[in-house]
Amino acid sequence: MKIVIVEDELAASDNLTYLLHSIDPSIEILAIFDTVKAAVAYFSTAHDAELVLMDIHLADGISFEIFEQVKIDIPVVFTTAYDQYALKAFKVNSIDYLLKPIDEDELTDALNQFTVQVKEKLQGIDDDQLKGLLSLIKGSADKKGYKNTFLVSQRDQLIPLKTATIAYFLINLGAVKAVSKDNQTYSVEGKLEDIEESLDPTSFYRANRQCIVNREAIVNLKYYFNGKLIVSVNPVSKERIIVSKAKASDFKDWMNS
């Protein structure tokens, strides 16, 4: 079985590769891409891939943008941290998905389903499926209410912290912290990915794997080597907030909107 992985988190792609080889050592990983652009370039030319495992959020956009630019005529399994309403879109359109963190048994089932599809000579996602998927997910986003308050830990108590007062979220020693505009640090339960989904994207941006920044906390942007950006914030972050070259253009567009 020849597989292409489209995933922008190095740890996630490494784990997926490990699980695939644990399930079947003969599986061949042809390529791993972390951007929409790279995936489009690959599928625009002749290839030997038989199956795609694809994350929803990539370094330079949403993976659905790939299908708007190129036809993928092989089965696709999405790996996602989407909420339950959005997952309905996958189910009603008969598109397979794996919910992160990926379970080995569920991955095995997905590979078995792929084998069935090959026997039945089924192709990739068709236009009607894609339109239905995008429509339902857009409907989910339109109906979605974003969090106004986070219940955070401070010393031996839990306190409500208004989302608007948070300058940025960051991962520190494996735990998520929220830094307020008055430079107080609080512990926040949950993964950064889940927190990102609960925030209004017009106000907050996932700058990199470790940080989500509030637009109002940004002081300036500085050019860094290789087309990257350094984001200066107030209050000052102990760790440099660096936006990758792949996301730099999108980040500037977001700031300019």
Protein backbone atom coordinates (compact mmCIF):
# COMPACT_ATOMS: atom_id res chain seq x y z
CA MET A 1 0.00 0.00 0.00
CA LYS A 2 1.42 3.38 -1.04
CA ILE A 3 0.35 6.32 1.12
CA VAL A 4 0.82 10.08 1.06
CA ILE A 5 0.49 12.01 4.34
CA VAL A 6 -0.61 15.65 4.35
CA GLU A 7 0.06 16.96 7.87
CA ASP A 8 1.79 20.10 9.19
CA GLU A 9 2.54 18.83 12.70
CA LEU A 10 5.85 16.95 12.67
CA ALA A 11 4.99 14.95 15.79
CA ALA A 12 1.64 13.95 14.27
CA SER A 13 3.15 12.81 10.96
CA ASP A 14 5.88 10.89 12.79
CA ASN A 15 3.27 9.18 14.97
CA LEU A 16 1.10 8.37 11.96
CA THR A 17 4.08 6.87 10.15
CA TYR A 18 4.92 4.79 13.23
CA LEU A 19 1.34 3.50 13.54
CA LEU A 20 1.11 2.63 9.85
CA HIS A 21 4.32 0.61 9.95
CA SER A 22 3.17 -1.06 13.17
CA ILE A 23 -0.02 -2.15 11.43
CA ASP A 24 1.68 -3.21 8.21
CA PRO A 25 5.47 -2.94 7.75
CA SER A 26 5.04 -3.22 3.97
CA ILE A 27 3.21 0.13 3.80
CA GLU A 28 5.23 2.65 1.80
CA ILE A 29 5.07 6.34 2.74
CA LEU A 30 5.69 8.06 -0.57
CA ALA A 31 5.73 11.63 0.71
CA ILE A 32 4.74 13.90 3.59
CA PHE A 33 3.51 17.43 2.84
CA ASP A 34 2.72 20.21 5.31
CA THR A 35 1.15 22.80 3.00
CA VAL A 36 -1.72 23.14 0.55
CA LYS A 37 0.73 24.38 -2.07
CA ALA A 38 2.99 21.33 -1.82
CA ALA A 39 0.07 18.89 -1.94
CA VAL A 40 -1.42 20.61 -5.00
CA ALA A 41 1.94 20.45 -6.78
CA TYR A 42 2.25 16.74 -6.04
CA PHE A 43 -1.24 15.73 -7.15
CA SER A 44 -1.03 17.91 -10.26
CA THR A 45 1.45 15.46 -11.77
CA ALA A 46 1.51 11.69 -12.26
CA HIS A 47 1.95 9.78 -8.99
CA ASP A 48 1.76 6.26 -7.55
CA ALA A 49 -0.16 7.07 -4.36
CA GLU A 50 -3.09 4.80 -3.51
CA LEU A 51 -4.38 6.50 -0.36
CA VAL A 52 -4.10 9.95 1.26
CA LEU A 53 -4.18 10.66 4.99
CA MET A 54 -4.90 14.37 5.26
CA ASP A 55 -5.10 16.80 8.16
CA ILE A 56 -7.69 19.60 8.00
CA HIS A 57 -5.51 22.50 9.15
CA LEU A 58 -2.24 22.95 7.27
CA ALA A 59 0.61 25.44 7.53
CA ASP A 60 -0.76 27.67 4.76
CA GLY A 61 -4.50 27.07 4.89
CA ILE A 62 -7.31 24.51 5.00
CA SER A 63 -6.85 21.19 3.20
CA PHE A 64 -10.19 21.56 1.38
CA GLU A 65 -8.47 24.21 -0.74
CA ILE A 66 -6.46 21.37 -2.32
CA PHE A 67 -9.60 19.89 -3.89
CA GLU A 68 -10.54 23.26 -5.36
CA GLN A 69 -7.26 23.32 -7.28
CA VAL A 70 -6.63 19.72 -8.28
CA LYS A 71 -8.57 16.48 -8.75
CA ILE A 72 -7.62 13.72 -6.30
CA ASP A 73 -8.95 10.45 -7.71
CA ILE A 74 -7.85 8.14 -4.89
CA PRO A 75 -9.45 7.58 -1.47
CA VAL A 76 -8.84 10.22 1.21
CA VAL A 77 -9.04 9.79 4.98
CA PHE A 78 -9.13 13.04 6.93
CA THR A 79 -7.45 13.36 10.32
CA THR A 80 -9.22 16.02 12.32
CA ALA A 81 -9.95 17.58 15.69
CA TYR A 82 -13.27 19.03 14.46
CA ASP A 83 -16.30 19.27 16.74
CA GLN A 84 -19.16 16.79 16.55
CA TYR A 85 -21.41 18.97 14.38
CA ALA A 86 -18.76 19.31 11.72
CA LEU A 87 -18.09 15.56 11.82
CA LYS A 88 -21.67 15.11 10.65
CA ALA A 89 -20.53 16.59 7.35
CA PHE A 90 -18.09 13.74 6.86
CA LYS A 91 -20.66 11.09 7.76
CA VAL A 92 -23.47 12.31 5.51
CA ASN A 93 -21.07 12.64 2.59
CA SER A 94 -19.58 9.16 3.09
CA ILE A 95 -16.09 10.53 3.66
CA ASP A 96 -13.87 8.70 6.12
CA TYR A 97 -12.18 10.52 8.99
CA LEU A 98 -10.04 9.80 12.03
CA LEU A 99 -10.44 11.90 15.14
CA LYS A 100 -7.20 13.03 16.77
CA PRO A 101 -5.40 11.71 18.74
CA ILE A 102 -5.39 8.83 16.29
CA ASP A 103 -6.11 5.38 17.68
CA GLU A 104 -4.31 2.41 16.14
CA ASP A 105 -7.47 0.28 15.97
CA GLU A 106 -9.39 3.04 14.20
CA LEU A 107 -6.51 3.52 11.77
CA THR A 108 -6.55 -0.22 11.09
CA ASP A 109 -10.29 -0.03 10.35
CA ALA A 110 -9.67 2.86 7.93
CA LEU A 111 -7.03 0.85 6.08
CA ASN A 112 -9.37 -2.14 5.91
CA GLN A 113 -12.08 0.13 4.50
CA PHE A 114 -9.60 1.31 1.89
CA THR A 115 -9.03 -2.32 0.86
CA VAL A 116 -12.79 -2.72 0.41
CA GLN A 117 -12.93 0.44 -1.71
CA VAL A 118 -10.14 -0.88 -3.93
CA LYS A 119 -12.03 -4.14 -4.48
CA GLU A 120 -15.18 -2.19 -5.32
CA LYS A 121 -13.14 0.12 -7.56
CA LEU A 122 -14.32 3.25 -5.79
CA GLN A 123 -12.55 6.52 -6.57
CA GLY A 124 -11.75 9.63 -4.54
CA ILE A 125 -14.07 12.37 -3.33
CA ASP A 126 -16.45 13.54 -6.04
CA ASP A 127 -17.70 17.10 -6.55
CA ASP A 128 -21.07 16.49 -4.89
CA GLN A 129 -19.42 15.06 -1.79
CA LEU A 130 -17.02 17.99 -1.59
CA LYS A 131 -19.79 20.56 -2.02
CA GLY A 132 -21.86 18.88 0.67
CA LEU A 133 -18.89 18.71 3.01
CA LEU A 134 -18.00 22.38 2.56
CA SER A 135 -21.64 23.45 2.90
CA LEU A 136 -22.21 21.65 6.17
CA ILE A 137 -18.89 22.72 7.67
CA LYS A 138 -19.56 26.32 6.65
CA GLY A 139 -22.96 26.02 8.29
CA SER A 140 -21.26 24.74 11.42
CA ALA A 141 -18.88 27.71 11.44
CA ASP A 142 -21.73 30.19 10.87
CA LYS A 143 -23.69 28.77 13.80
CA LYS A 144 -20.72 28.42 16.08
CA GLY A 145 -20.54 30.58 19.15
CA TYR A 146 -17.06 31.44 20.35
CA LYS A 147 -15.99 31.30 23.97
CA ASN A 148 -16.35 34.51 25.93
CA THR A 149 -14.82 33.16 29.14
CA PHE A 150 -12.23 30.58 30.14
CA LEU A 151 -12.23 28.97 33.57
CA VAL A 152 -8.53 29.12 34.48
CA SER A 153 -6.37 28.01 37.38
CA GLN A 154 -4.58 30.48 39.61
CA ARG A 155 -2.83 29.08 42.64
CA ASP A 156 -5.48 27.00 44.48
CA GLN A 157 -8.57 28.41 42.81
CA LEU A 158 -10.46 28.56 39.52
CA ILE A 159 -11.44 31.96 38.19
CA PRO A 160 -13.35 33.11 35.09
CA LEU A 161 -11.12 34.97 32.64
CA LYS A 162 -12.72 36.99 29.86
CA THR A 163 -11.42 35.90 26.44
CA ALA A 164 -11.07 39.53 25.35
CA THR A 165 -8.56 40.15 28.16
CA ILE A 166 -6.20 37.39 26.99
CA ALA A 167 -3.17 38.64 25.06
CA TYR A 168 -1.98 35.21 23.95
CA PHE A 169 -2.02 31.50 24.72
CA LEU A 170 1.21 29.52 24.73
CA ILE A 171 2.52 26.08 25.56
CA ASN A 172 4.96 26.08 28.46
CA LEU A 173 6.52 22.82 29.68
CA GLY A 174 3.76 20.87 27.98
CA ALA A 175 0.90 22.85 29.54
CA VAL A 176 -1.23 25.59 28.02
CA LYS A 177 -0.95 29.02 29.62
CA ALA A 178 -3.01 32.14 29.03
CA VAL A 179 -1.22 35.47 29.46
CA SER A 180 -3.58 38.37 30.13
CA LYS A 181 -3.17 41.92 28.92
CA ASP A 182 -2.14 42.93 32.46
CA ASN A 183 0.66 40.32 32.30
CA GLN A 184 -0.85 37.68 34.55
CA THR A 185 -0.30 34.01 33.66
CA TYR A 186 -2.98 31.36 34.12
CA SER A 187 -3.16 27.62 33.47
CA VAL A 188 -5.78 26.55 30.95
CA GLU A 189 -7.13 23.02 30.60
CA GLY A 190 -7.21 21.37 27.19
CA LYS A 191 -5.09 21.21 24.06
CA LEU A 192 -4.05 24.29 22.10
CA GLU A 193 -5.85 22.85 19.04
CA ASP A 194 -9.16 22.71 20.94
CA ILE A 195 -8.67 26.21 22.32
CA GLU A 196 -8.00 27.49 18.80
CA GLU A 197 -11.33 26.03 17.61
CA SER A 198 -13.18 27.86 20.40
CA LEU A 199 -11.76 31.31 19.55
CA ASP A 200 -13.04 33.92 17.11
CA PRO A 201 -10.57 33.76 14.17
CA THR A 202 -11.03 37.47 13.50
CA SER A 203 -9.46 38.21 16.90
CA PHE A 204 -7.05 35.30 17.46
CA TYR A 205 -4.49 33.66 15.17
CA ARG A 206 -2.49 30.44 15.58
CA ALA A 207 0.94 31.93 14.96
CA ASN A 208 2.75 28.61 15.34
CA ARG A 209 2.46 25.28 17.12
CA GLN A 210 3.12 26.83 20.52
CA CYS A 211 1.20 30.11 20.41
CA ILE A 212 -2.16 31.72 19.65
CA VAL A 213 -2.05 35.51 19.67
CA ASN A 214 -4.72 38.16 20.14
CA ARG A 215 -4.70 40.83 17.42
CA GLU A 216 -4.94 43.58 20.05
CA ALA A 217 -1.75 42.38 21.77
CA ILE A 218 0.42 42.72 18.66
CA VAL A 219 2.80 45.69 18.73
CA ASN A 220 4.66 45.10 15.46
CA LEU A 221 6.04 42.50 13.07
CA LYS A 222 9.72 42.11 12.31
CA TYR A 223 11.20 40.35 9.29
CA TYR A 224 13.25 37.29 10.17
CA PHE A 225 15.49 35.10 8.02
CA ASN A 226 14.01 32.83 5.33
CA GLY A 227 10.86 34.91 5.03
CA LYS A 228 9.72 34.29 8.59
CA LEU A 229 8.21 36.92 10.90
CA ILE A 230 8.79 37.75 14.55
CA VAL A 231 5.67 38.96 16.32
CA SER A 232 6.24 41.52 19.08
CA VAL A 233 3.47 41.55 21.68
CA ASN A 234 2.46 43.44 24.79
CA PRO A 235 2.99 42.13 27.38
CA VAL A 236 6.31 40.82 26.12
CA SER A 237 6.47 37.05 25.63
CA LYS A 238 9.34 35.16 27.26
CA GLU A 239 9.57 33.06 24.10
CA ARG A 240 9.93 34.57 20.64
CA ILE A 241 6.75 34.24 18.60
CA ILE A 242 7.83 33.25 15.10
CA VAL A 243 5.53 32.85 12.13
CA SER A 244 6.81 30.49 9.44
CA LYS A 245 7.46 31.56 5.87
CA ALA A 246 4.49 29.43 4.74
CA LYS A 247 2.10 31.28 7.05
CA ALA A 248 3.67 34.76 6.86
CA SER A 249 1.55 35.99 3.95
CA ASP A 250 -1.68 34.72 5.49
CA PHE A 251 -0.75 36.24 8.84
CA LYS A 252 -0.11 39.65 7.27
CA ASP A 253 -3.41 39.43 5.41
CA TRP A 254 -5.15 38.62 8.71
CA MET A 255 -3.49 41.59 10.39
CA ASN A 256 -4.47 43.83 7.48
CA SER A 257 -8.13 42.74 7.46
